[in-house]
Amino acid sequence: MRLSFFKKIGTAVTLATVLSLSGLSAVAQDKGSMRVAFGDVPGGEMVNFMIAVARAAERGVKVDVSYLQSEDLAAQAIVSGQADIGVGTPYALIQKVKAPIRMFYQLAMLRFYPVVNGEKYQAWKDLDGSDVAVHGRGSGTEAIMKLMAKDNGVKYKSVSYVPGSGVRAGALLQGRIDVSIVDYERSRLLEREAPGKFVFLPLPEIKATDEALYANSEWLETEKEAVSILVEELIKTWREINADPSKVVSLRNKYNVLPNIEKVEVDELEESFAQGVSIDLYPANGGSADSVKQDFEFFTASGSMQGDPAKLKVEDFWYLGPVNTAAKKLGMM
């Protein structure tokens, strides 16, 4: 895969931007660089991440953010060295092919809503033989749908991968798919745009990671300073928004992040993040050994990972040094 497959959306924070923000010299400011690859389309749910990226830039870390067509492509870019940081939960990739990557920051908890066309389906048992659309291979959305199929004794006809909760919501509204799973923001969109058309299927309580940052193990060691700065700014940004979700609007304006997202997402930004805070979507400490063990329980139960969760080792999947150091510096919450 060549880097030309990346779809640039004008979100790169360059060193020139860093210098204009601070007025310091390049020698004093340059604390390293990183290339982040999202296997998704840019949307309002990424605003908090881009705020943290801008703050890391103020501290001298050059961050370039790109968007790919799928999480599979993003993972390939990390493994091949064409990008430094990916976004997802690549437990299966690490376990199956012994990929030399580790997760190092817990971005969001798994808070999703399985949804069906109410004219065709009403309950989990109705989905036997149905076509299902999820975010990506090995994703939390796939794991949820696999777990619920297992628990309800159904077998899907097919599982297709459609990156982007907004894309899947649009496909549902257009009638191109009938069974999928969307985030909290798009669940509200579906109810608003087509009241009564969709049925949201029940889920048990799930304690697991939806999205994490991951990188090559060797790169994490060589770029310790840059990684530490990014992790600190992520934790500070998450905590600030958790304390006052309305801050996401002023911070987005201050740093001019994702200026081209849809107007409806901009208009609902505060409400969306307020709901996210209310459902504990944003972890305050960036992950821990306990949160990884919860992931082991969920992903093995769904079949996305293999083995006894009690025997899986945290260090085989995660590099917790940066978040442990940052949480100690900033104080645990």
C-alpha atoms as a PDB file:
ATOM      1  CA  MET A   1       0.000   0.000   0.000  1.00  0.00           C
ATOM      2  CA  ARG A   2       1.307   3.465  -0.881  1.00  0.00           C
ATOM      3  CA  LEU A   3       0.818   6.598   1.173  1.00  0.00           C
ATOM      4  CA  SER A   4      -1.034   8.112  -1.781  1.00  0.00           C
ATOM      5  CA  PHE A   5      -4.068   6.111  -0.677  1.00  0.00           C
ATOM      6  CA  PHE A   6      -4.462   8.583   2.192  1.00  0.00           C
ATOM      7  CA  LYS A   7      -7.247  11.097   1.813  1.00  0.00           C
ATOM      8  CA  LYS A   8      -5.982  14.396   3.203  1.00  0.00           C
ATOM      9  CA  ILE A   9      -8.693  16.632   4.633  1.00  0.00           C
ATOM     10  CA  GLY A  10      -6.617  19.660   5.549  1.00  0.00           C
ATOM     11  CA  THR A  11      -6.223  18.799   9.226  1.00  0.00           C
ATOM     12  CA  ALA A  12      -2.454  18.534   9.420  1.00  0.00           C
ATOM     13  CA  VAL A  13      -0.922  20.644  12.167  1.00  0.00           C
ATOM     14  CA  THR A  14       2.437  21.732  10.799  1.00  0.00           C
ATOM     15  CA  LEU A  15       5.507  22.994  12.565  1.00  0.00           C
ATOM     16  CA  ALA A  16       4.865  26.388  10.992  1.00  0.00           C
ATOM     17  CA  THR A  17       1.561  26.454  12.868  1.00  0.00           C
ATOM     18  CA  VAL A  18       3.395  25.609  16.070  1.00  0.00           C
ATOM     19  CA  LEU A  19       5.785  28.494  15.553  1.00  0.00           C
ATOM     20  CA  SER A  20       3.021  30.960  14.786  1.00  0.00           C
ATOM     21  CA  LEU A  21       1.200  29.974  17.959  1.00  0.00           C
ATOM     22  CA  SER A  22       4.169  30.310  20.258  1.00  0.00           C
ATOM     23  CA  GLY A  23       6.694  32.591  18.598  1.00  0.00           C
ATOM     24  CA  LEU A  24       9.521  30.288  19.733  1.00  0.00           C
ATOM     25  CA  SER A  25      12.375  29.083  17.572  1.00  0.00           C
ATOM     26  CA  ALA A  26      12.245  25.780  15.727  1.00  0.00           C
ATOM     27  CA  VAL A  27      15.168  24.454  17.769  1.00  0.00           C
ATOM     28  CA  ALA A  28      13.428  25.226  21.050  1.00  0.00           C
ATOM     29  CA  GLN A  29      10.074  23.949  19.924  1.00  0.00           C
ATOM     30  CA  ASP A  30      10.694  20.756  17.955  1.00  0.00           C
ATOM     31  CA  LYS A  31       9.694  17.877  20.265  1.00  0.00           C
ATOM     32  CA  GLY A  32       9.113  15.257  17.593  1.00  0.00           C
ATOM     33  CA  SER A  33       6.521  14.357  15.002  1.00  0.00           C
ATOM     34  CA  MET A  34       3.842  11.749  14.334  1.00  0.00           C
ATOM     35  CA  ARG A  35       1.494  10.675  11.554  1.00  0.00           C
ATOM     36  CA  VAL A  36      -1.991   9.634  12.704  1.00  0.00           C
ATOM     37  CA  ALA A  37      -4.197   7.510  10.435  1.00  0.00           C
ATOM     38  CA  PHE A  38      -7.955   7.341  11.017  1.00  0.00           C
ATOM     39  CA  GLY A  39      -9.852   4.548   9.280  1.00  0.00           C
ATOM     40  CA  ASP A  40     -12.934   6.745   9.187  1.00  0.00           C
ATOM     41  CA  VAL A  41     -14.356   9.958   7.743  1.00  0.00           C
ATOM     42  CA  PRO A  42     -13.846  13.216   9.681  1.00  0.00           C
ATOM     43  CA  GLY A  43     -16.807  14.191  11.844  1.00  0.00           C
ATOM     44  CA  GLY A  44     -17.887  16.051  14.939  1.00  0.00           C
ATOM     45  CA  GLU A  45     -16.980  13.164  17.225  1.00  0.00           C
ATOM     46  CA  MET A  46     -13.297  13.788  16.393  1.00  0.00           C
ATOM     47  CA  VAL A  47     -13.269  17.417  17.546  1.00  0.00           C
ATOM     48  CA  ASN A  48     -11.943  16.635  21.017  1.00  0.00           C
ATOM     49  CA  PHE A  49      -9.069  14.633  19.555  1.00  0.00           C
ATOM     50  CA  MET A  50      -8.123  17.428  17.173  1.00  0.00           C
ATOM     51  CA  ILE A  51      -8.206  19.948  20.031  1.00  0.00           C
ATOM     52  CA  ALA A  52      -5.660  17.800  21.891  1.00  0.00           C
ATOM     53  CA  VAL A  53      -3.584  17.566  18.685  1.00  0.00           C
ATOM     54  CA  ALA A  54      -3.548  21.384  18.409  1.00  0.00           C
ATOM     55  CA  ARG A  55      -2.484  21.664  22.040  1.00  0.00           C
ATOM     56  CA  ALA A  56       0.310  19.163  21.472  1.00  0.00           C
ATOM     57  CA  ALA A  57       1.394  21.306  18.523  1.00  0.00           C
ATOM     58  CA  GLU A  58       1.664  24.308  20.848  1.00  0.00           C
ATOM     59  CA  ARG A  59       4.144  22.269  22.843  1.00  0.00           C
ATOM     60  CA  GLY A  60       6.257  21.448  19.805  1.00  0.00           C
ATOM     61  CA  VAL A  61       4.869  18.148  18.526  1.00  0.00           C
ATOM     62  CA  LYS A  62       4.227  18.101  14.801  1.00  0.00           C
ATOM     63  CA  VAL A  63       1.108  16.003  14.119  1.00  0.00           C
ATOM     64  CA  ASP A  64      -0.188  15.081  10.681  1.00  0.00           C
ATOM     65  CA  VAL A  65      -3.679  13.536  10.575  1.00  0.00           C
ATOM     66  CA  SER A  66      -4.968  11.602   7.561  1.00  0.00           C
ATOM     67  CA  TYR A  67      -8.158   9.686   6.810  1.00  0.00           C
ATOM     68  CA  LEU A  68      -8.288   6.306   5.090  1.00  0.00           C
ATOM     69  CA  GLN A  69     -11.171   4.306   3.700  1.00  0.00           C
ATOM     70  CA  SER A  70     -11.096   1.641   6.417  1.00  0.00           C
ATOM     71  CA  GLU A  71      -9.467   0.562   9.674  1.00  0.00           C
ATOM     72  CA  ASP A  72      -7.823  -2.304   7.789  1.00  0.00           C
ATOM     73  CA  LEU A  73      -5.937   0.193   5.623  1.00  0.00           C
ATOM     74  CA  ALA A  74      -4.983   2.204   8.704  1.00  0.00           C
ATOM     75  CA  ALA A  75      -3.624  -0.920  10.409  1.00  0.00           C
ATOM     76  CA  GLN A  76      -1.655  -1.824   7.279  1.00  0.00           C
ATOM     77  CA  ALA A  77      -0.171   1.666   7.253  1.00  0.00           C
ATOM     78  CA  ILE A  78       1.012   1.295  10.861  1.00  0.00           C
ATOM     79  CA  VAL A  79       2.493  -2.168  10.360  1.00  0.00           C
ATOM     80  CA  SER A  80       4.277  -1.078   7.172  1.00  0.00           C
ATOM     81  CA  GLY A  81       5.601   2.130   8.718  1.00  0.00           C
ATOM     82  CA  GLN A  82       3.677   4.485   6.431  1.00  0.00           C
ATOM     83  CA  ALA A  83       1.912   5.978   9.448  1.00  0.00           C
ATOM     84  CA  ASP A  84       2.837   6.074  13.122  1.00  0.00           C
ATOM     85  CA  ILE A  85      -0.453   5.980  15.039  1.00  0.00           C
ATOM     86  CA  GLY A  86      -3.693   4.192  14.234  1.00  0.00           C
ATOM     87  CA  VAL A  87      -7.128   4.392  15.833  1.00  0.00           C
ATOM     88  CA  GLY A  88      -9.114   1.290  16.766  1.00  0.00           C
ATOM     89  CA  THR A  89      -8.936  -1.845  18.893  1.00  0.00           C
ATOM     90  CA  PRO A  90      -6.609  -4.205  16.976  1.00  0.00           C
ATOM     91  CA  TYR A  91      -6.711  -7.022  19.526  1.00  0.00           C
ATOM     92  CA  ALA A  92      -7.373  -9.673  16.881  1.00  0.00           C
ATOM     93  CA  LEU A  93      -4.592  -8.382  14.634  1.00  0.00           C
ATOM     94  CA  ILE A  94      -2.062  -8.445  17.457  1.00  0.00           C
ATOM     95  CA  GLN A  95      -3.140 -11.916  18.599  1.00  0.00           C
ATOM     96  CA  LYS A  96      -3.483 -13.617  15.222  1.00  0.00           C
ATOM     97  CA  VAL A  97      -0.471 -12.305  13.326  1.00  0.00           C
ATOM     98  CA  LYS A  98       1.688 -11.199  16.253  1.00  0.00           C
ATOM     99  CA  ALA A  99       1.790  -7.685  14.814  1.00  0.00           C
ATOM    100  CA  PRO A 100       4.486  -5.601  16.562  1.00  0.00           C
ATOM    101  CA  ILE A 101       1.998  -2.941  17.655  1.00  0.00           C
ATOM    102  CA  ARG A 102       0.602  -1.940  21.019  1.00  0.00           C
ATOM    103  CA  MET A 103      -2.327   0.200  22.112  1.00  0.00           C
ATOM    104  CA  PHE A 104      -1.331   3.074  24.359  1.00  0.00           C
ATOM    105  CA  TYR A 105      -4.318   5.398  24.896  1.00  0.00           C
ATOM    106  CA  GLN A 106      -8.002   4.637  25.518  1.00  0.00           C
ATOM    107  CA  LEU A 107      -9.949   7.240  23.558  1.00  0.00           C
ATOM    108  CA  ALA A 108     -13.544   6.147  24.056  1.00  0.00           C
ATOM    109  CA  MET A 109     -15.688   3.509  25.674  1.00  0.00           C
ATOM    110  CA  LEU A 110     -17.933   1.194  23.684  1.00  0.00           C
ATOM    111  CA  ARG A 111     -21.278   2.992  23.575  1.00  0.00           C
ATOM    112  CA  PHE A 112     -23.223   1.942  20.486  1.00  0.00           C
ATOM    113  CA  TYR A 113     -26.820   1.297  19.491  1.00  0.00           C
ATOM    114  CA  PRO A 114     -27.830  -1.687  17.336  1.00  0.00           C
ATOM    115  CA  VAL A 115     -30.601  -0.461  15.044  1.00  0.00           C
ATOM    116  CA  VAL A 116     -32.956  -2.131  12.574  1.00  0.00           C
ATOM    117  CA  ASN A 117     -35.622  -1.130  10.100  1.00  0.00           C
ATOM    118  CA  GLY A 118     -38.780  -1.572  12.177  1.00  0.00           C
ATOM    119  CA  GLU A 119     -40.807  -2.533   9.126  1.00  0.00           C
ATOM    120  CA  LYS A 120     -38.741  -5.731   8.814  1.00  0.00           C
ATOM    121  CA  TYR A 121     -37.366  -6.506  12.283  1.00  0.00           C
ATOM    122  CA  GLN A 122     -38.398  -6.000  15.880  1.00  0.00           C
ATOM    123  CA  ALA A 123     -36.065  -8.124  18.011  1.00  0.00           C
ATOM    124  CA  TRP A 124     -32.691  -9.879  17.976  1.00  0.00           C
ATOM    125  CA  LYS A 125     -34.316 -13.227  17.130  1.00  0.00           C
ATOM    126  CA  ASP A 126     -35.621 -11.725  13.878  1.00  0.00           C
ATOM    127  CA  LEU A 127     -32.091 -11.180  12.560  1.00  0.00           C
ATOM    128  CA  ASP A 128     -31.366 -14.808  11.685  1.00  0.00           C
ATOM    129  CA  GLY A 129     -30.291 -14.807   8.034  1.00  0.00           C
ATOM    130  CA  SER A 130     -30.044 -11.026   7.810  1.00  0.00           C
ATOM    131  CA  ASP A 131     -27.336  -8.795   6.321  1.00  0.00           C
ATOM    132  CA  VAL A 132     -25.530  -6.660   8.898  1.00  0.00           C
ATOM    133  CA  ALA A 133     -23.312  -3.584   8.477  1.00  0.00           C
ATOM    134  CA  VAL A 134     -20.628  -2.689  11.050  1.00  0.00           C
ATOM    135  CA  HIS A 135     -17.719  -0.259  11.186  1.00  0.00           C
ATOM    136  CA  GLY A 136     -14.758  -2.515  10.436  1.00  0.00           C
ATOM    137  CA  ARG A 137     -13.098  -5.869  10.841  1.00  0.00           C
ATOM    138  CA  GLY A 138     -12.115  -6.422  14.478  1.00  0.00           C
ATOM    139  CA  SER A 139     -13.951  -3.274  15.601  1.00  0.00           C
ATOM    140  CA  GLY A 140     -16.028  -2.939  18.735  1.00  0.00           C
ATOM    141  CA  THR A 141     -19.155  -2.639  16.602  1.00  0.00           C
ATOM    142  CA  GLU A 142     -18.439  -6.010  15.000  1.00  0.00           C
ATOM    143  CA  ALA A 143     -17.726  -7.535  18.402  1.00  0.00           C
ATOM    144  CA  ILE A 144     -21.070  -6.302  19.776  1.00  0.00           C
ATOM    145  CA  MET A 145     -23.025  -7.721  16.852  1.00  0.00           C
ATOM    146  CA  LYS A 146     -21.150 -11.032  17.058  1.00  0.00           C
ATOM    147  CA  LEU A 147     -21.762 -11.277  20.802  1.00  0.00           C
ATOM    148  CA  MET A 148     -25.482 -10.573  20.457  1.00  0.00           C
ATOM    149  CA  ALA A 149     -25.824 -13.113  17.631  1.00  0.00           C
ATOM    150  CA  LYS A 150     -24.172 -15.685  19.871  1.00  0.00           C
ATOM    151  CA  ASP A 151     -26.330 -14.787  22.882  1.00  0.00           C
ATOM    152  CA  ASN A 152     -29.560 -14.847  20.874  1.00  0.00           C
ATOM    153  CA  GLY A 153     -28.847 -17.947  18.791  1.00  0.00           C
ATOM    154  CA  VAL A 154     -28.936 -16.241  15.392  1.00  0.00           C
ATOM    155  CA  LYS A 155     -26.603 -16.408  12.408  1.00  0.00           C
ATOM    156  CA  TYR A 156     -26.215 -13.469  10.078  1.00  0.00           C
ATOM    157  CA  LYS A 157     -26.271 -14.010   6.331  1.00  0.00           C
ATOM    158  CA  SER A 158     -23.385 -11.582   5.900  1.00  0.00           C
ATOM    159  CA  VAL A 159     -21.415  -8.898   7.737  1.00  0.00           C
ATOM    160  CA  SER A 160     -20.285  -5.942   5.636  1.00  0.00           C
ATOM    161  CA  TYR A 161     -17.814  -3.262   6.689  1.00  0.00           C
ATOM    162  CA  VAL A 162     -19.002   0.330   6.315  1.00  0.00           C
ATOM    163  CA  PRO A 163     -16.629   2.788   8.046  1.00  0.00           C
ATOM    164  CA  GLY A 164     -18.234   5.778   9.716  1.00  0.00           C
ATOM    165  CA  SER A 165     -21.296   5.826  11.948  1.00  0.00           C
ATOM    166  CA  GLY A 166     -22.653   8.752   9.931  1.00  0.00           C
ATOM    167  CA  VAL A 167     -22.249   6.781   6.716  1.00  0.00           C
ATOM    168  CA  ARG A 168     -24.159   3.825   8.167  1.00  0.00           C
ATOM    169  CA  ALA A 169     -26.899   6.117   9.482  1.00  0.00           C
ATOM    170  CA  GLY A 170     -27.247   7.662   6.023  1.00  0.00           C
ATOM    171  CA  ALA A 171     -27.498   4.217   4.451  1.00  0.00           C
ATOM    172  CA  LEU A 172     -30.246   3.289   6.926  1.00  0.00           C
ATOM    173  CA  LEU A 173     -32.211   6.450   6.128  1.00  0.00           C
ATOM    174  CA  GLN A 174     -31.847   5.798   2.398  1.00  0.00           C
ATOM    175  CA  GLY A 175     -33.010   2.185   2.780  1.00  0.00           C
ATOM    176  CA  ARG A 176     -29.755   0.733   1.451  1.00  0.00           C
ATOM    177  CA  ILE A 177     -29.237  -1.293   4.657  1.00  0.00           C
ATOM    178  CA  ASP A 178     -31.705  -2.505   7.278  1.00  0.00           C
ATOM    179  CA  VAL A 179     -29.500  -3.698  10.143  1.00  0.00           C
ATOM    180  CA  SER A 180     -26.542  -1.835  11.586  1.00  0.00           C
ATOM    181  CA  ILE A 181     -25.064  -0.246  14.687  1.00  0.00           C
ATOM    182  CA  VAL A 182     -24.486   3.476  15.221  1.00  0.00           C
ATOM    183  CA  ASP A 183     -23.063   5.803  17.845  1.00  0.00           C
ATOM    184  CA  TYR A 184     -25.113   7.910  20.252  1.00  0.00           C
ATOM    185  CA  GLU A 185     -25.027  10.975  17.977  1.00  0.00           C
ATOM    186  CA  ARG A 186     -26.377   9.089  14.965  1.00  0.00           C
ATOM    187  CA  SER A 187     -29.019   7.328  17.046  1.00  0.00           C
ATOM    188  CA  ARG A 188     -30.481  10.773  17.747  1.00  0.00           C
ATOM    189  CA  LEU A 189     -30.195  11.635  14.052  1.00  0.00           C
ATOM    190  CA  LEU A 190     -32.213   8.561  13.063  1.00  0.00           C
ATOM    191  CA  GLU A 191     -34.925   9.299  15.602  1.00  0.00           C
ATOM    192  CA  ARG A 192     -35.111  12.921  14.456  1.00  0.00           C
ATOM    193  CA  GLU A 193     -35.084  12.289  10.702  1.00  0.00           C
ATOM    194  CA  ALA A 194     -37.341   9.225  10.662  1.00  0.00           C
ATOM    195  CA  PRO A 195     -39.366   9.045  13.893  1.00  0.00           C
ATOM    196  CA  GLY A 196     -40.872   5.609  14.448  1.00  0.00           C
ATOM    197  CA  LYS A 197     -39.102   3.966  11.512  1.00  0.00           C
ATOM    198  CA  PHE A 198     -36.239   2.347  13.400  1.00  0.00           C
ATOM    199  CA  VAL A 199     -36.063  -0.008  16.369  1.00  0.00           C
ATOM    200  CA  PHE A 200     -33.072   0.099  18.708  1.00  0.00           C
ATOM    201  CA  LEU A 201     -32.333  -3.364  20.041  1.00  0.00           C
ATOM    202  CA  PRO A 202     -31.409  -3.872  23.719  1.00  0.00           C
ATOM    203  CA  LEU A 203     -27.870  -4.526  24.917  1.00  0.00           C
ATOM    204  CA  PRO A 204     -26.474  -5.752  28.233  1.00  0.00           C
ATOM    205  CA  GLU A 205     -24.049  -3.470  30.069  1.00  0.00           C
ATOM    206  CA  ILE A 206     -20.744  -3.484  28.210  1.00  0.00           C
ATOM    207  CA  LYS A 207     -17.461  -2.304  29.719  1.00  0.00           C
ATOM    208  CA  ALA A 208     -14.902  -2.254  26.933  1.00  0.00           C
ATOM    209  CA  THR A 209     -12.831   0.047  24.760  1.00  0.00           C
ATOM    210  CA  ASP A 210     -14.328   1.332  21.532  1.00  0.00           C
ATOM    211  CA  GLU A 211     -11.328   3.240  20.200  1.00  0.00           C
ATOM    212  CA  ALA A 212      -7.707   3.352  21.278  1.00  0.00           C
ATOM    213  CA  LEU A 213      -4.527   4.800  19.858  1.00  0.00           C
ATOM    214  CA  TYR A 214      -1.957   2.211  18.815  1.00  0.00           C
ATOM    215  CA  ALA A 215       1.513   2.262  17.314  1.00  0.00           C
ATOM    216  CA  ASN A 216       4.556   0.159  16.526  1.00  0.00           C
ATOM    217  CA  SER A 217       6.319  -0.840  19.745  1.00  0.00           C
ATOM    218  CA  GLU A 218       9.720   0.388  18.555  1.00  0.00           C
ATOM    219  CA  TRP A 219       8.288   3.752  17.497  1.00  0.00           C
ATOM    220  CA  LEU A 220       6.680   4.206  20.927  1.00  0.00           C
ATOM    221  CA  GLU A 221      10.112   3.813  22.494  1.00  0.00           C
ATOM    222  CA  THR A 222      11.929   6.137  20.108  1.00  0.00           C
ATOM    223  CA  GLU A 223       9.286   8.903  20.270  1.00  0.00           C
ATOM    224  CA  LYS A 224       8.685   8.831  24.028  1.00  0.00           C
ATOM    225  CA  GLU A 225       8.721  12.607  24.470  1.00  0.00           C
ATOM    226  CA  ALA A 226       6.253  13.316  21.665  1.00  0.00           C
ATOM    227  CA  VAL A 227       3.959  10.496  22.799  1.00  0.00           C
ATOM    228  CA  SER A 228       4.040  11.739  26.394  1.00  0.00           C
ATOM    229  CA  ILE A 229       3.050  15.244  25.306  1.00  0.00           C
ATOM    230  CA  LEU A 230       0.156  13.986  23.166  1.00  0.00           C
ATOM    231  CA  VAL A 231      -1.101  11.711  25.952  1.00  0.00           C
ATOM    232  CA  GLU A 232      -0.976  14.534  28.499  1.00  0.00           C
ATOM    233  CA  GLU A 233      -2.956  16.836  26.209  1.00  0.00           C
ATOM    234  CA  LEU A 234      -5.519  14.123  25.494  1.00  0.00           C
ATOM    235  CA  ILE A 235      -6.077  13.505  29.186  1.00  0.00           C
ATOM    236  CA  LYS A 236      -6.334  17.228  29.948  1.00  0.00           C
ATOM    237  CA  THR A 237      -8.755  17.805  27.064  1.00  0.00           C
ATOM    238  CA  TRP A 238     -10.934  14.809  27.981  1.00  0.00           C
ATOM    239  CA  ARG A 239     -11.104  15.954  31.611  1.00  0.00           C
ATOM    240  CA  GLU A 240     -11.923  19.535  30.647  1.00  0.00           C
ATOM    241  CA  ILE A 241     -14.801  18.430  28.418  1.00  0.00           C
ATOM    242  CA  ASN A 242     -16.033  15.925  31.015  1.00  0.00           C
ATOM    243  CA  ALA A 243     -16.190  18.774  33.547  1.00  0.00           C
ATOM    244  CA  ASP A 244     -17.953  21.152  31.116  1.00  0.00           C
ATOM    245  CA  PRO A 245     -19.085  19.731  27.742  1.00  0.00           C
ATOM    246  CA  SER A 246     -19.882  23.224  26.447  1.00  0.00           C
ATOM    247  CA  LYS A 247     -16.144  23.942  26.337  1.00  0.00           C
ATOM    248  CA  VAL A 248     -15.857  21.802  23.198  1.00  0.00           C
ATOM    249  CA  VAL A 249     -17.445  24.630  21.183  1.00  0.00           C
ATOM    250  CA  SER A 250     -15.118  27.413  22.334  1.00  0.00           C
ATOM    251  CA  LEU A 251     -12.075  25.165  22.080  1.00  0.00           C
ATOM    252  CA  ARG A 252     -12.979  24.134  18.535  1.00  0.00           C
ATOM    253  CA  ASN A 253     -13.288  27.801  17.604  1.00  0.00           C
ATOM    254  CA  LYS A 254     -10.045  28.713  19.352  1.00  0.00           C
ATOM    255  CA  TYR A 255      -8.000  26.095  17.509  1.00  0.00           C
ATOM    256  CA  ASN A 256     -10.084  26.113  14.291  1.00  0.00           C
ATOM    257  CA  VAL A 257     -10.201  22.319  14.139  1.00  0.00           C
ATOM    258  CA  LEU A 258     -12.262  20.431  11.546  1.00  0.00           C
ATOM    259  CA  PRO A 259     -13.670  23.628  10.011  1.00  0.00           C
ATOM    260  CA  ASN A 260     -15.329  21.717   7.162  1.00  0.00           C
ATOM    261  CA  ILE A 261     -17.573  19.302   9.047  1.00  0.00           C
ATOM    262  CA  GLU A 262     -21.300  19.499   8.311  1.00  0.00           C
ATOM    263  CA  LYS A 263     -23.268  22.386   9.808  1.00  0.00           C
ATOM    264  CA  VAL A 264     -25.669  20.029  11.587  1.00  0.00           C
ATOM    265  CA  GLU A 265     -22.718  18.509  13.430  1.00  0.00           C
ATOM    266  CA  VAL A 266     -21.455  21.950  14.409  1.00  0.00           C
ATOM    267  CA  ASP A 267     -24.923  22.983  15.634  1.00  0.00           C
ATOM    268  CA  GLU A 268     -25.240  19.842  17.780  1.00  0.00           C
ATOM    269  CA  LEU A 269     -21.672  19.720  19.009  1.00  0.00           C
ATOM    270  CA  GLU A 270     -22.375  20.812  22.591  1.00  0.00           C
ATOM    271  CA  GLU A 271     -25.446  18.583  22.939  1.00  0.00           C
ATOM    272  CA  SER A 272     -23.596  15.639  21.433  1.00  0.00           C
ATOM    273  CA  PHE A 273     -20.644  15.900  23.794  1.00  0.00           C
ATOM    274  CA  ALA A 274     -22.947  16.506  26.763  1.00  0.00           C
ATOM    275  CA  GLN A 275     -24.679  13.215  26.017  1.00  0.00           C
ATOM    276  CA  GLY A 276     -21.322  11.529  25.578  1.00  0.00           C
ATOM    277  CA  VAL A 277     -20.229  12.752  28.992  1.00  0.00           C
ATOM    278  CA  SER A 278     -23.511  11.553  30.514  1.00  0.00           C
ATOM    279  CA  ILE A 279     -22.850   7.986  29.329  1.00  0.00           C
ATOM    280  CA  ASP A 280     -19.177   7.983  30.415  1.00  0.00           C
ATOM    281  CA  LEU A 281     -17.920   7.876  26.857  1.00  0.00           C
ATOM    282  CA  TYR A 282     -14.632   9.661  27.529  1.00  0.00           C
ATOM    283  CA  PRO A 283     -12.203   7.924  29.952  1.00  0.00           C
ATOM    284  CA  ALA A 284     -10.515  10.363  32.333  1.00  0.00           C
ATOM    285  CA  ASN A 285      -7.185   8.539  32.628  1.00  0.00           C
ATOM    286  CA  GLY A 286      -6.499   7.117  29.170  1.00  0.00           C
ATOM    287  CA  GLY A 287      -6.725   3.463  30.178  1.00  0.00           C
ATOM    288  CA  SER A 288      -5.338   1.101  32.795  1.00  0.00           C
ATOM    289  CA  ALA A 289      -4.556  -2.556  33.408  1.00  0.00           C
ATOM    290  CA  ASP A 290      -8.087  -2.988  34.791  1.00  0.00           C
ATOM    291  CA  SER A 291      -9.694  -1.513  31.663  1.00  0.00           C
ATOM    292  CA  VAL A 292      -7.595  -3.827  29.468  1.00  0.00           C
ATOM    293  CA  LYS A 293      -8.776  -6.836  31.470  1.00  0.00           C
ATOM    294  CA  GLN A 294     -12.361  -5.720  30.880  1.00  0.00           C
ATOM    295  CA  ASP A 295     -11.559  -5.654  27.160  1.00  0.00           C
ATOM    296  CA  PHE A 296     -10.249  -9.216  27.397  1.00  0.00           C
ATOM    297  CA  GLU A 297     -13.552 -10.333  28.932  1.00  0.00           C
ATOM    298  CA  PHE A 298     -15.658  -8.666  26.243  1.00  0.00           C
ATOM    299  CA  PHE A 299     -13.616  -9.473  23.134  1.00  0.00           C
ATOM    300  CA  THR A 300     -13.147 -13.144  24.076  1.00  0.00           C
ATOM    301  CA  ALA A 301     -16.860 -13.481  24.864  1.00  0.00           C
ATOM    302  CA  SER A 302     -17.707 -12.074  21.418  1.00  0.00           C
ATOM    303  CA  GLY A 303     -15.219 -14.376  19.678  1.00  0.00           C
ATOM    304  CA  SER A 304     -13.028 -11.522  18.428  1.00  0.00           C
ATOM    305  CA  MET A 305     -10.186 -12.802  20.628  1.00  0.00           C
ATOM    306  CA  GLN A 306      -9.251 -16.341  21.547  1.00  0.00           C
ATOM    307  CA  GLY A 307      -8.284 -17.902  24.864  1.00  0.00           C
ATOM    308  CA  ASP A 308      -9.000 -17.588  28.556  1.00  0.00           C
ATOM    309  CA  PRO A 309      -9.232 -13.857  29.369  1.00  0.00           C
ATOM    310  CA  ALA A 310      -7.680 -14.486  32.786  1.00  0.00           C
ATOM    311  CA  LYS A 311      -4.539 -15.837  31.115  1.00  0.00           C
ATOM    312  CA  LEU A 312      -4.071 -13.057  28.555  1.00  0.00           C
ATOM    313  CA  LYS A 313      -1.292 -10.599  29.391  1.00  0.00           C
ATOM    314  CA  VAL A 314      -1.854  -6.856  29.357  1.00  0.00           C
ATOM    315  CA  GLU A 315       1.679  -6.145  28.098  1.00  0.00           C
ATOM    316  CA  ASP A 316       1.125  -8.331  25.029  1.00  0.00           C
ATOM    317  CA  PHE A 317      -1.466  -5.836  23.764  1.00  0.00           C
ATOM    318  CA  TRP A 318      -0.891  -2.518  25.537  1.00  0.00           C
ATOM    319  CA  TYR A 319       1.982  -0.170  26.349  1.00  0.00           C
ATOM    320  CA  LEU A 320       0.662   1.635  29.426  1.00  0.00           C
ATOM    321  CA  GLY A 321       3.809   3.589  30.297  1.00  0.00           C
ATOM    322  CA  PRO A 322       2.677   6.931  28.790  1.00  0.00           C
ATOM    323  CA  VAL A 323      -0.764   6.964  30.444  1.00  0.00           C
ATOM    324  CA  ASN A 324       0.602   5.774  33.795  1.00  0.00           C
ATOM    325  CA  THR A 325       3.205   8.551  33.768  1.00  0.00           C
ATOM    326  CA  ALA A 326       0.716  11.211  32.652  1.00  0.00           C
ATOM    327  CA  ALA A 327      -1.929  10.165  35.177  1.00  0.00           C
ATOM    328  CA  LYS A 328       0.655  10.300  37.942  1.00  0.00           C
ATOM    329  CA  LYS A 329       1.736  13.779  36.816  1.00  0.00           C
ATOM    330  CA  LEU A 330      -1.805  15.116  36.359  1.00  0.00           C
ATOM    331  CA  GLY A 331      -3.426  13.155  39.197  1.00  0.00           C
ATOM    332  CA  MET A 332      -5.695  10.130  38.902  1.00  0.00           C
ATOM    333  CA  MET A 333      -9.445  10.672  38.551  1.00  0.00           C
END
